[in-house]
Amino acid sequence: MSKTRDEARAVERDVTALIARFFVCLDAHDGAAAATLLASDIEWITQRHGTERGAAAAVASIAGRPKGSVSRHCVANPVVDAIADDEARAEATVVIWAIDGGDTPARMPVRMGLPRAILAFHFRVIWAADSWRIARLSSDLVFAAG
């Protein structure tokens, strides 16, 4: 694989946008939109719920979050490396603010405390048909609240 600098920058831009869109979908509890970003056989290793395998399981997890839960995943320092024409790896630091709630939608704005955690996220993305898709997602806890 030999990409020109412009091609490598395009991969970096597209994958960085993919990562941001994923966390927007997660915070919005929008499983349907998230489905467009995931490989059908995604492996998603979460800090709180273990491993989700397959896009259907990941989408159900996202859409099934309690309506009263509010979160914001703030993505920083994304680094993307194209390792093949149809594959890239990425890392990003993510600061998470979250409030767990019940089934009643939260009223905005919610009272904000300290971040819940800071994690190092690791992505494997693949080119599938006409777009980049997340094929594997995992994270390492760097800082925890409390």
Foldseek 3Di string as FASTA:
>chain_A
DDDDPVRFVVVVVQVVVLVVQLQVLLQVLNLVSLLVAADQQAWEAEPPPGIDTGSVRVSCVSNVAAQQKGKHWDWDDKDKDDPDPWKIKIKIKIFMWMDHDHNDHHDPPDDTDHTQFIKIKIFMWGDDDHGIHTRYIDIDTDDGDD
